[in-house]
Amino acid sequence: MESARESQNPVILNEILSSSGADSLDAIARILAESPADDTLLGLIDLSVQTTGAERGFLLRRDGDDRWDCLGARNLDGEDIRHPLDKILVPLIERALEQKTPWSCSDIAGLPDRGRWDRERLPRTSAAHIIPLGSDHLLYLDHRFGPLCEGSGDDPMLALALVGIQFALSLQAGSDDKPTATTKISSARLKPAVSNDKPVTMIGQHPDIIALQQLIDRVAPSGAPILITGESGTGKELAARSIHQQSEHASGPFISENCGALAENLLETELFGCMRGAFTGATNDRPGLFELAHGGTIFLDEIGDTSAGLQKKLLRVIQEGVVRRVGGQESIEVDVRVLSATNLDLSSEVRNGRFREDLYYRLNVINVHLPPLRDRGEDITLIASHFLEGLNEETGTTKQMTGDLISALLKHGWPGNIRELQNEIRRVHALGGDQLDAEFLSQRVGGTVESSTRPTDGQTGLDRIQAAGSLKEAIEKLEAEWIAAALDRFDGHRGQVCQWLGIPKTTLYAKMRRYGLSDR
């Protein structure tokens, strides 16, 4: 079951978009009166992203002279962005604050300071629109791969969204001085802090986890490529960060990329960079993630979803330590520790001809395997307590788990592993009082209602569709079941699922998130 925030935002957004002019302002005012202010803020950030054609939107609040909190960070699919303050190009904010008026640029790469920013390994973006909202807030909209919509800064719908945001901010300020769990995302400095990351260790006392941490401690300083395997949600990126922090590259950047989340041509440009004129929209030279990770670590998640062509180029980087930008001829040397991860059986992929054998052996010099959460026994309680402590610290609360809740957590099979557990703890923390009981768990974890995406009652497809109600609900139910069946058929191999369904990976990932299938 989706959280309240996730289910509320489409309602907010759709009601505003279905109105026009003064009706839109009325819709915003009504939603502000009827909905929690933080839910409304996220919906209005979504509206701003859609109106401007941005890829991402960040609502920031000043917290000191050079510190900011992120009140909300959303992508174009209406999803929260992890580690939002690591994604923002700080010098652009400084420019907007200096002139105290909205600041836009459709060609960030052409700015005189771009070269220095790249050398400092600051986040990259292609276009941005930054709008100060009073003295303590601003809206940061950007797109990493293309321009924003022409003239979007003057769009009346954006103006309405900004009015709504300021209304919602005033409601928050008047109702409670303490930031909530949904609004207080981070208060890190808006600049790279690679060397200042908190030490990362695997939480747990299960023998497999103790052995895993000991293995990481031994192999991290070696500099050898490491392949991290395990089911989705088991903490592969956490393991990668732990390895990075104990390596000789710890003082350099840690850059993570999900190889399954982008189309092949976009992923190639993201990893290797491009030269001006290499393709439509390539107006300037642009370094790739391998160049930006020079002296540090690059983590390639879902490496099994890469194409044969991209695998060949990755092999060259690992073998020779050089990259060549798209459209370029020059070989650029890079000193990068390569960590990769997959939830697939890559040895099986090699046997079936879907993954290069030579690349597999280059990546799998050392294998670190993460066990599923269901096999870790009492570690479930330890991890749940860790997440609860973090939420209590963020919100200034002292909520505790009851025995019934702990018992329910231990009984569940956790197909989504640690990620699923974290979502459940967030849910019960948001819905419960001081004592968090099992009744606040989602229906799937509580085990009282069958999953809506899997037919378990013997009904025919027509029976389930007719029971869905509206045509829209029936189509969504059928689509969710179809995608779930495809994921099961191909053992979670996203590339094969996309080929079978005839859709791009970006569409598959969006629909998986929409129907709660991301952990499959």
Protein backbone atom coordinates (compact mmCIF):
# COMPACT_ATOMS: atom_id res chain seq x y z
CA MET A 1 0.00 0.00 0.00
CA GLU A 2 1.31 3.43 -0.88
CA SER A 3 2.04 6.00 1.77
CA ALA A 4 -0.29 8.93 2.26
CA ARG A 5 2.18 11.29 0.67
CA GLU A 6 2.56 9.15 -2.45
CA SER A 7 -1.17 8.76 -2.97
CA GLN A 8 -2.04 12.37 -2.22
CA ASN A 9 0.27 14.08 -4.70
CA PRO A 10 -1.47 12.90 -7.90
CA VAL A 11 -4.77 14.20 -6.51
CA ILE A 12 -3.23 17.61 -5.83
CA LEU A 13 -1.52 17.77 -9.20
CA ASN A 14 -4.47 16.53 -11.26
CA GLU A 15 -6.93 18.93 -9.63
CA ILE A 16 -4.71 21.93 -10.35
CA LEU A 17 -3.87 20.86 -13.90
CA SER A 18 -7.53 20.22 -14.72
CA SER A 19 -8.35 23.83 -13.81
CA SER A 20 -7.26 27.05 -15.44
CA GLY A 21 -6.70 30.67 -14.48
CA ALA A 22 -8.53 31.71 -11.35
CA ASP A 23 -9.97 28.20 -11.02
CA SER A 24 -6.43 26.87 -10.57
CA LEU A 25 -5.79 29.36 -7.78
CA ASP A 26 -9.05 28.29 -6.16
CA ALA A 27 -7.95 24.66 -6.43
CA ILE A 28 -4.63 25.45 -4.76
CA ALA A 29 -6.37 27.35 -1.96
CA ARG A 30 -8.85 24.51 -1.39
CA ILE A 31 -6.12 21.86 -1.34
CA LEU A 32 -4.10 23.93 1.13
CA ALA A 33 -7.10 24.07 3.41
CA GLU A 34 -7.89 20.35 3.15
CA SER A 35 -4.45 18.70 2.84
CA PRO A 36 -1.31 18.61 5.00
CA ALA A 37 1.01 21.43 3.99
CA ASP A 38 3.94 19.10 3.30
CA ASP A 39 1.82 16.94 0.96
CA THR A 40 0.76 20.07 -0.88
CA LEU A 41 4.35 21.30 -1.19
CA LEU A 42 5.39 18.11 -2.94
CA GLY A 43 2.41 18.32 -5.27
CA LEU A 44 3.30 21.91 -6.16
CA ILE A 45 6.94 20.98 -6.78
CA ASP A 46 5.61 18.31 -9.17
CA LEU A 47 3.49 20.97 -10.87
CA SER A 48 6.51 23.26 -11.25
CA VAL A 49 8.56 20.44 -12.78
CA GLN A 50 5.83 19.58 -15.29
CA THR A 51 5.14 23.20 -16.21
CA THR A 52 8.78 24.04 -16.96
CA GLY A 53 9.77 20.75 -18.58
CA ALA A 54 12.37 20.26 -15.86
CA GLU A 55 13.77 16.87 -14.91
CA ARG A 56 14.01 17.66 -11.19
CA GLY A 57 12.71 20.18 -8.68
CA PHE A 58 14.15 21.10 -5.26
CA LEU A 59 12.54 23.36 -2.65
CA LEU A 60 15.26 24.73 -0.35
CA ARG A 61 15.17 26.60 2.95
CA ARG A 62 18.08 28.60 4.35
CA ASP A 63 19.55 27.20 7.56
CA GLY A 64 22.42 29.56 8.36
CA ASP A 65 24.73 31.59 6.14
CA ASP A 66 25.92 28.72 3.95
CA ARG A 67 23.60 25.88 4.90
CA TRP A 68 20.28 24.82 3.45
CA ASP A 69 17.58 22.27 4.21
CA CYS A 70 15.76 20.55 1.37
CA LEU A 71 12.00 20.62 2.05
CA GLY A 72 11.20 18.50 -0.98
CA ALA A 73 12.99 17.06 -4.00
CA ARG A 74 11.05 15.45 -6.85
CA ASN A 75 11.83 14.01 -10.27
CA LEU A 76 9.68 14.14 -13.39
CA ASP A 77 7.94 10.89 -12.37
CA GLY A 78 6.74 12.52 -9.14
CA GLU A 79 9.10 10.54 -6.94
CA ASP A 80 11.33 11.66 -4.09
CA ILE A 81 15.02 12.17 -4.91
CA ARG A 82 17.55 10.51 -2.61
CA HIS A 83 20.41 12.61 -1.22
CA PRO A 84 18.98 15.77 -2.83
CA LEU A 85 21.64 18.21 -1.63
CA ASP A 86 24.29 16.18 -3.45
CA LYS A 87 22.52 16.86 -6.76
CA ILE A 88 22.48 20.67 -6.67
CA LEU A 89 25.01 22.93 -8.41
CA VAL A 90 25.67 25.45 -5.65
CA PRO A 91 27.21 28.27 -7.73
CA LEU A 92 23.92 28.64 -9.60
CA ILE A 93 22.13 29.29 -6.31
CA GLU A 94 24.73 31.90 -5.42
CA ARG A 95 24.08 33.70 -8.72
CA ALA A 96 20.34 33.76 -8.14
CA LEU A 97 20.76 35.05 -4.59
CA GLU A 98 23.12 37.79 -5.73
CA GLN A 99 20.62 39.27 -8.16
CA LYS A 100 17.58 38.47 -5.94
CA THR A 101 15.45 37.69 -8.99
CA PRO A 102 14.69 34.48 -10.92
CA TRP A 103 17.79 33.23 -12.73
CA SER A 104 17.71 30.97 -15.80
CA CYS A 105 20.29 29.39 -18.07
CA SER A 106 19.61 26.95 -20.91
CA ASP A 107 23.30 26.19 -21.51
CA ILE A 108 25.08 25.59 -18.21
CA ALA A 109 28.00 23.93 -20.00
CA GLY A 110 28.70 27.20 -21.81
CA LEU A 111 29.19 29.26 -18.65
CA PRO A 112 32.77 30.50 -18.09
CA ASP A 113 33.07 28.72 -14.73
CA ARG A 114 31.98 25.31 -16.05
CA GLY A 115 35.53 23.99 -16.36
CA ARG A 116 36.36 24.89 -12.76
CA TRP A 117 33.14 23.29 -11.53
CA ASP A 118 34.03 20.06 -13.33
CA ARG A 119 37.51 20.06 -11.81
CA GLU A 120 35.94 20.50 -8.39
CA ARG A 121 33.63 17.57 -9.25
CA LEU A 122 30.47 19.53 -8.58
CA PRO A 123 27.16 18.03 -9.77
CA ARG A 124 26.39 18.46 -13.44
CA THR A 125 23.31 19.85 -15.12
CA SER A 126 22.44 21.16 -18.58
CA ALA A 127 19.81 23.82 -17.81
CA ALA A 128 18.39 25.43 -14.68
CA HIS A 129 15.74 27.88 -13.49
CA ILE A 130 16.14 29.17 -9.92
CA ILE A 131 13.48 31.27 -8.21
CA PRO A 132 14.11 32.99 -4.85
CA LEU A 133 11.03 32.87 -2.61
CA GLY A 134 11.62 35.59 -0.05
CA SER A 135 14.87 35.70 1.89
CA ASP A 136 14.90 32.13 3.20
CA HIS A 137 13.51 29.87 0.46
CA LEU A 138 14.09 29.15 -3.21
CA LEU A 139 12.87 26.76 -5.90
CA TYR A 140 15.62 25.06 -7.93
CA LEU A 141 14.52 23.43 -11.22
CA ASP A 142 16.96 21.75 -13.56
CA HIS A 143 17.46 19.24 -16.37
CA ARG A 144 20.68 17.24 -16.70
CA PHE A 145 20.25 16.22 -20.33
CA GLY A 146 18.42 19.00 -22.16
CA PRO A 147 16.83 22.46 -22.01
CA LEU A 148 13.75 23.52 -20.09
CA CYS A 149 10.63 24.56 -21.98
CA GLU A 150 11.14 27.88 -23.76
CA GLY A 151 9.41 30.71 -21.95
CA SER A 152 8.37 28.43 -19.08
CA GLY A 153 9.58 30.97 -16.53
CA ASP A 154 6.68 33.21 -17.55
CA ASP A 155 4.05 30.44 -17.58
CA PRO A 156 0.97 31.45 -15.53
CA MET A 157 0.74 27.92 -14.14
CA LEU A 158 4.24 28.24 -12.69
CA ALA A 159 3.24 31.55 -11.12
CA LEU A 160 0.26 29.83 -9.49
CA ALA A 161 2.49 27.03 -8.22
CA LEU A 162 4.84 29.57 -6.65
CA VAL A 163 1.93 31.31 -4.96
CA GLY A 164 0.76 27.96 -3.62
CA ILE A 165 4.23 27.09 -2.35
CA GLN A 166 4.47 30.37 -0.47
CA PHE A 167 1.01 29.78 1.03
CA ALA A 168 2.02 26.29 2.15
CA LEU A 169 5.28 27.55 3.63
CA SER A 170 3.41 30.17 5.62
CA LEU A 171 1.03 27.50 6.92
CA GLN A 172 3.96 25.36 8.04
CA ALA A 173 5.64 28.29 9.76
CA GLY A 174 2.46 29.16 11.59
CA SER A 175 1.56 25.65 12.69
CA ASP A 176 4.81 24.09 13.86
CA ASP A 177 8.40 25.24 14.09
CA LYS A 178 9.77 21.71 13.97
CA PRO A 179 10.32 20.15 10.54
CA THR A 180 8.50 16.87 9.95
CA ALA A 181 9.90 13.64 8.61
CA THR A 182 8.50 14.42 5.17
CA THR A 183 10.03 17.89 4.97
CA LYS A 184 13.32 17.52 6.80
CA ILE A 185 15.34 15.63 4.21
CA SER A 186 18.85 16.83 4.89
CA SER A 187 20.85 19.69 6.31
CA ALA A 188 24.23 18.91 4.79
CA ARG A 189 26.31 21.69 3.27
CA LEU A 190 25.64 22.39 -0.38
CA LYS A 191 29.08 21.24 -1.49
CA PRO A 192 30.81 17.88 -1.95
CA ALA A 193 31.58 16.21 1.36
CA VAL A 194 33.07 12.95 0.23
CA SER A 195 35.76 12.75 2.88
CA ASN A 196 33.31 13.75 5.63
CA ASP A 197 30.78 10.95 5.04
CA LYS A 198 29.73 9.13 8.20
CA PRO A 199 31.36 5.70 8.52
CA VAL A 200 29.22 3.06 6.84
CA THR A 201 28.95 -0.42 8.35
CA MET A 202 26.52 -3.27 7.84
CA ILE A 203 24.02 -3.47 10.71
CA GLY A 204 23.48 -6.91 12.18
CA GLN A 205 24.78 -9.72 14.35
CA HIS A 206 23.97 -12.65 12.08
CA PRO A 207 27.09 -14.74 11.35
CA ASP A 208 26.74 -14.07 7.60
CA ILE A 209 26.78 -10.30 8.19
CA ILE A 210 29.74 -10.47 10.56
CA ALA A 211 31.64 -12.50 7.95
CA LEU A 212 30.56 -10.05 5.24
CA GLN A 213 31.87 -7.02 7.14
CA GLN A 214 35.14 -8.83 7.83
CA LEU A 215 35.47 -9.59 4.11
CA ILE A 216 34.81 -5.93 3.23
CA ASP A 217 37.43 -4.82 5.74
CA ARG A 218 39.99 -7.13 4.10
CA VAL A 219 39.33 -6.40 0.43
CA ALA A 220 38.48 -2.68 0.55
CA PRO A 221 42.12 -1.45 0.61
CA SER A 222 43.17 -3.69 -2.29
CA GLY A 223 41.93 -1.51 -5.14
CA ALA A 224 40.66 -4.57 -7.05
CA PRO A 225 37.26 -4.48 -8.83
CA ILE A 226 34.48 -5.93 -6.68
CA LEU A 227 31.16 -7.37 -7.82
CA ILE A 228 28.43 -7.04 -5.17
CA THR A 229 25.58 -9.52 -5.59
CA GLY A 230 22.29 -10.08 -3.84
CA GLU A 231 18.57 -9.58 -4.19
CA SER A 232 17.09 -6.12 -4.72
CA GLY A 233 16.98 -4.09 -1.53
CA THR A 234 19.66 -6.00 0.39
CA GLY A 235 21.94 -2.97 0.73
CA LYS A 236 24.38 -3.29 -2.16
CA GLU A 237 25.03 0.46 -2.41
CA LEU A 238 25.61 0.59 1.34
CA ALA A 239 28.24 -2.13 0.95
CA ALA A 240 29.82 -0.19 -1.91
CA ARG A 241 30.06 2.96 0.22
CA SER A 242 31.65 0.97 3.02
CA ILE A 243 34.26 -0.38 0.60
CA HIS A 244 34.94 3.11 -0.78
CA GLN A 245 35.45 4.63 2.67
CA GLN A 246 38.10 2.04 3.55
CA SER A 247 39.94 2.21 0.22
CA GLU A 248 42.89 4.26 -1.02
CA HIS A 249 40.34 6.29 -3.02
CA ALA A 250 38.38 7.35 0.09
CA SER A 251 39.44 11.00 -0.27
CA GLY A 252 37.99 11.10 -3.79
CA PRO A 253 34.35 11.17 -4.88
CA PHE A 254 31.91 8.27 -4.67
CA ILE A 255 29.68 8.35 -7.75
CA SER A 256 26.77 5.94 -8.19
CA GLU A 257 24.85 5.21 -11.39
CA ASN A 258 21.92 2.85 -11.96
CA CYS A 259 22.72 1.24 -15.31
CA GLY A 260 19.17 -0.02 -15.75
CA ALA A 261 17.40 3.31 -15.28
CA LEU A 262 18.55 5.04 -18.48
CA ALA A 263 18.25 4.24 -22.17
CA GLU A 264 21.49 2.98 -23.75
CA ASN A 265 22.41 6.23 -25.52
CA LEU A 266 21.75 8.33 -22.42
CA LEU A 267 23.72 5.95 -20.22
CA GLU A 268 26.69 6.05 -22.60
CA THR A 269 26.72 9.85 -22.51
CA GLU A 270 26.30 9.86 -18.73
CA LEU A 271 29.23 7.49 -18.16
CA PHE A 272 31.68 8.61 -20.84
CA GLY A 273 30.67 12.21 -21.61
CA CYS A 274 30.33 13.76 -25.05
CA MET A 275 31.89 16.27 -27.40
CA ARG A 276 30.17 19.31 -28.83
CA GLY A 277 28.15 18.36 -31.91
CA ALA A 278 28.20 14.63 -31.16
CA PHE A 279 24.40 14.59 -31.35
CA THR A 280 21.46 16.98 -31.36
CA GLY A 281 21.54 18.97 -28.14
CA ALA A 282 25.26 18.44 -27.49
CA THR A 283 26.12 22.13 -27.55
CA ASN A 284 29.29 21.84 -25.46
CA ASP A 285 31.95 19.36 -24.40
CA ARG A 286 30.83 17.44 -21.34
CA PRO A 287 32.77 15.07 -19.07
CA GLY A 288 31.27 11.74 -18.07
CA LEU A 289 30.96 10.13 -14.67
CA PHE A 290 34.20 8.20 -15.09
CA GLU A 291 36.08 11.49 -15.52
CA LEU A 292 34.28 13.06 -12.59
CA ALA A 293 35.07 10.01 -10.44
CA HIS A 294 38.82 10.40 -11.12
CA GLY A 295 40.69 9.67 -7.91
CA GLY A 296 37.61 8.08 -6.36
CA THR A 297 35.11 5.27 -6.84
CA ILE A 298 32.36 4.66 -9.38
CA PHE A 299 29.56 2.28 -8.42
CA LEU A 300 27.69 0.72 -11.36
CA ASP A 301 24.43 -0.68 -10.03
CA GLU A 302 22.41 -3.18 -12.08
CA ILE A 303 25.40 -3.83 -14.32
CA GLY A 304 23.60 -6.86 -15.75
CA ASP A 305 21.14 -4.61 -17.57
CA THR A 306 23.79 -3.02 -19.81
CA SER A 307 23.80 -3.64 -23.56
CA ALA A 308 26.50 -5.55 -25.44
CA GLY A 309 27.84 -2.32 -26.94
CA LEU A 310 28.14 -0.61 -23.59
CA GLN A 311 29.74 -3.69 -22.04
CA LYS A 312 32.50 -3.49 -24.66
CA LYS A 313 33.22 0.14 -23.75
CA LEU A 314 33.20 -0.61 -20.03
CA LEU A 315 35.72 -3.38 -20.61
CA ARG A 316 38.08 -0.93 -22.31
CA VAL A 317 37.88 1.49 -19.39
CA ILE A 318 38.66 -1.23 -16.86
CA GLN A 319 41.46 -2.79 -18.92
CA GLU A 320 43.20 0.37 -20.09
CA GLY A 321 42.13 3.01 -17.57
CA VAL A 322 41.02 5.40 -20.32
CA VAL A 323 37.69 6.75 -21.57
CA ARG A 324 36.68 8.27 -24.87
CA ARG A 325 33.80 10.71 -24.96
CA VAL A 326 30.92 10.20 -27.37
CA GLY A 327 31.95 11.90 -30.61
CA GLY A 328 35.56 12.29 -29.45
CA GLN A 329 38.88 10.80 -30.53
CA GLU A 330 41.05 11.59 -27.50
CA SER A 331 41.68 8.91 -24.87
CA ILE A 332 41.41 10.40 -21.38
CA GLU A 333 43.19 8.64 -18.52
CA VAL A 334 41.15 8.01 -15.37
CA ASP A 335 42.14 6.59 -11.99
CA VAL A 336 38.90 5.06 -10.74
CA ARG A 337 38.02 2.15 -8.45
CA VAL A 338 35.18 0.24 -10.15
CA LEU A 339 32.52 -1.39 -8.00
CA SER A 340 29.50 -3.02 -9.61
CA ALA A 341 26.35 -4.74 -8.43
CA THR A 342 23.59 -6.94 -9.77
CA ASN A 343 20.60 -8.94 -8.58
CA LEU A 344 21.05 -11.32 -11.53
CA ASP A 345 23.11 -14.49 -11.80
CA LEU A 346 25.78 -13.06 -14.09
CA SER A 347 27.44 -16.44 -14.61
CA SER A 348 24.14 -17.65 -16.05
CA GLU A 349 23.90 -14.49 -18.16
CA VAL A 350 27.37 -15.27 -19.52
CA ARG A 351 26.40 -18.86 -20.41
CA ASN A 352 23.31 -17.60 -22.22
CA GLY A 353 25.30 -15.03 -24.19
CA ARG A 354 23.70 -11.99 -22.58
CA PHE A 355 26.80 -10.73 -20.77
CA ARG A 356 30.41 -10.60 -21.92
CA GLU A 357 32.54 -13.27 -20.30
CA ASP A 358 35.70 -11.14 -20.36
CA LEU A 359 33.91 -8.23 -18.66
CA TYR A 360 32.42 -10.59 -16.08
CA TYR A 361 35.85 -11.81 -15.02
CA ARG A 362 37.20 -8.25 -14.93
CA LEU A 363 34.38 -7.10 -12.66
CA ASN A 364 34.25 -10.22 -10.50
CA VAL A 365 37.82 -10.20 -9.23
CA ILE A 366 36.30 -10.26 -5.75
CA ASN A 367 32.69 -11.20 -5.04
CA VAL A 368 30.77 -9.79 -2.08
CA HIS A 369 27.37 -11.44 -1.65
CA LEU A 370 24.63 -9.95 0.53
CA PRO A 371 22.16 -12.42 2.09
CA PRO A 372 18.40 -11.76 1.88
CA LEU A 373 16.80 -10.21 4.95
CA ARG A 374 14.52 -13.22 5.50
CA ASP A 375 17.60 -15.34 6.31
CA ARG A 376 18.97 -12.95 8.94
CA GLY A 377 16.64 -13.68 11.87
CA GLU A 378 16.89 -11.18 14.71
CA ASP A 379 18.77 -8.73 12.49
CA ILE A 380 15.32 -7.68 11.30
CA THR A 381 14.63 -6.20 14.73
CA LEU A 382 18.04 -4.48 14.87
CA ILE A 383 17.61 -2.89 11.46
CA ALA A 384 14.04 -1.81 12.20
CA SER A 385 15.23 -0.20 15.44
CA HIS A 386 17.98 1.61 13.52
CA PHE A 387 15.46 3.09 11.08
CA LEU A 388 13.11 4.03 13.91
CA GLU A 389 15.89 5.81 15.82
CA GLY A 390 16.69 7.85 12.73
CA LEU A 391 13.06 8.87 12.26
CA ASN A 392 12.73 9.76 15.94
CA GLU A 393 15.83 11.93 15.69
CA GLU A 394 14.53 13.70 12.58
CA THR A 395 11.13 14.44 14.08
CA GLY A 396 11.99 14.94 17.74
CA THR A 397 9.83 12.01 18.82
CA THR A 398 10.43 8.97 21.06
CA LYS A 399 8.18 6.39 19.42
CA GLN A 400 8.72 2.73 20.27
CA MET A 401 7.80 -0.61 18.68
CA THR A 402 5.41 -2.90 20.53
CA GLY A 403 5.93 -6.63 20.87
CA ASP A 404 3.12 -7.27 18.38
CA LEU A 405 4.86 -5.13 15.77
CA ILE A 406 8.21 -6.87 16.29
CA SER A 407 6.51 -10.26 16.04
CA ALA A 408 4.82 -9.27 12.77
CA LEU A 409 8.11 -8.02 11.34
CA LEU A 410 9.83 -11.31 12.18
CA LYS A 411 7.06 -13.36 10.54
CA HIS A 412 7.13 -11.52 7.20
CA GLY A 413 9.20 -12.93 4.33
CA TRP A 414 10.54 -9.52 3.17
CA PRO A 415 10.75 -10.07 -0.60
CA GLY A 416 11.84 -6.43 -0.89
CA ASN A 417 14.47 -6.94 1.82
CA ILE A 418 15.88 -3.95 3.74
CA ARG A 419 14.28 -1.39 1.42
CA GLU A 420 10.84 -2.86 2.09
CA LEU A 421 11.50 -2.92 5.85
CA GLN A 422 12.57 0.72 5.80
CA ASN A 423 9.36 1.71 4.00
CA GLU A 424 7.25 -0.17 6.55
CA ILE A 425 8.97 1.54 9.48
CA ARG A 426 8.41 4.91 7.82
CA ARG A 427 4.77 4.02 7.41
CA VAL A 428 4.11 2.91 11.01
CA HIS A 429 6.07 5.91 12.33
CA ALA A 430 3.90 8.30 10.33
CA LEU A 431 0.58 6.63 11.21
CA GLY A 432 1.14 5.50 14.80
CA GLY A 433 1.35 7.23 18.15
CA ASP A 434 3.99 6.79 20.83
CA GLN A 435 3.52 3.01 20.76
CA LEU A 436 3.79 1.60 17.24
CA ASP A 437 1.60 -1.47 16.79
CA ALA A 438 1.27 -4.04 13.99
CA GLU A 439 -2.06 -2.56 12.89
CA PHE A 440 -0.18 0.27 11.16
CA LEU A 441 1.72 -2.08 8.83
CA SER A 442 0.62 -2.31 5.21
CA GLN A 443 -1.84 -5.05 4.34
CA ARG A 444 0.82 -7.09 2.58
CA VAL A 445 3.06 -7.24 5.63
CA GLY A 446 0.12 -7.69 8.01
CA GLY A 447 -1.03 -10.59 5.88
CA THR A 448 -4.75 -9.81 6.15
CA VAL A 449 -5.44 -9.07 2.46
CA GLU A 450 -4.04 -10.72 -0.65
CA SER A 451 -1.88 -8.60 -2.96
CA SER A 452 -3.87 -6.85 -5.65
CA THR A 453 -1.26 -7.57 -8.30
CA ARG A 454 -1.28 -11.38 -8.01
CA PRO A 455 -4.30 -13.62 -8.75
CA THR A 456 -4.57 -16.05 -5.80
CA ASP A 457 -8.30 -16.63 -5.50
CA GLY A 458 -8.96 -18.65 -8.66
CA GLN A 459 -10.71 -15.78 -10.40
CA THR A 460 -10.43 -15.45 -14.15
CA GLY A 461 -8.85 -12.37 -15.66
CA LEU A 462 -12.30 -11.10 -16.67
CA ASP A 463 -13.62 -11.57 -13.11
CA ARG A 464 -10.78 -9.50 -11.68
CA ILE A 465 -11.15 -6.78 -14.30
CA GLN A 466 -14.90 -6.52 -13.74
CA ALA A 467 -14.33 -6.30 -9.99
CA ALA A 468 -11.91 -3.42 -10.48
CA GLY A 469 -14.67 -0.91 -11.13
CA SER A 470 -13.82 1.82 -13.64
CA LEU A 471 -12.11 1.23 -16.98
CA LYS A 472 -9.00 3.07 -15.72
CA GLU A 473 -8.78 0.84 -12.65
CA ALA A 474 -9.25 -2.29 -14.75
CA ILE A 475 -6.48 -1.30 -17.16
CA GLU A 476 -4.11 -0.51 -14.29
CA LYS A 477 -4.86 -3.84 -12.58
CA LEU A 478 -4.23 -5.78 -15.79
CA GLU A 479 -1.05 -3.82 -16.52
CA ALA A 480 0.32 -4.46 -13.02
CA GLU A 481 -0.37 -8.20 -13.30
CA TRP A 482 1.17 -8.33 -16.79
CA ILE A 483 4.39 -6.64 -15.65
CA ALA A 484 4.59 -8.80 -12.51
CA ALA A 485 4.20 -11.93 -14.65
CA ALA A 486 6.94 -10.75 -17.01
CA LEU A 487 9.31 -10.07 -14.11
CA ASP A 488 8.66 -13.57 -12.77
CA ARG A 489 9.06 -15.16 -16.20
CA PHE A 490 12.48 -13.62 -16.79
CA ASP A 491 13.68 -13.84 -13.16
CA GLY A 492 13.80 -10.07 -12.77
CA HIS A 493 16.01 -9.43 -15.83
CA ARG A 494 14.86 -5.94 -16.79
CA GLY A 495 16.37 -6.01 -20.27
CA GLN A 496 14.49 -9.15 -21.28
CA VAL A 497 11.27 -7.90 -19.69
CA CYS A 498 11.48 -4.69 -21.73
CA GLN A 499 12.11 -6.62 -24.93
CA TRP A 500 9.17 -8.95 -24.27
CA LEU A 501 6.79 -6.13 -23.33
CA GLY A 502 8.05 -3.84 -26.10
CA ILE A 503 8.71 -0.85 -23.83
CA PRO A 504 11.87 1.13 -22.94
CA LYS A 505 13.55 0.66 -19.57
CA THR A 506 12.54 4.11 -18.38
CA THR A 507 8.87 3.19 -18.87
CA LEU A 508 9.31 -0.16 -17.14
CA TYR A 509 10.96 1.41 -14.09
CA ALA A 510 8.27 4.09 -13.83
CA LYS A 511 5.48 1.50 -13.95
CA MET A 512 7.25 -0.79 -11.48
CA ARG A 513 7.44 2.07 -9.00
CA ARG A 514 3.82 3.01 -9.66
CA TYR A 515 2.53 -0.50 -8.96
CA GLY A 516 4.88 -1.29 -6.08
CA LEU A 517 6.92 -3.82 -8.06
CA SER A 518 10.31 -2.15 -7.60
CA ASP A 519 11.57 -4.83 -5.21
CA ARG A 520 11.03 -7.74 -7.61
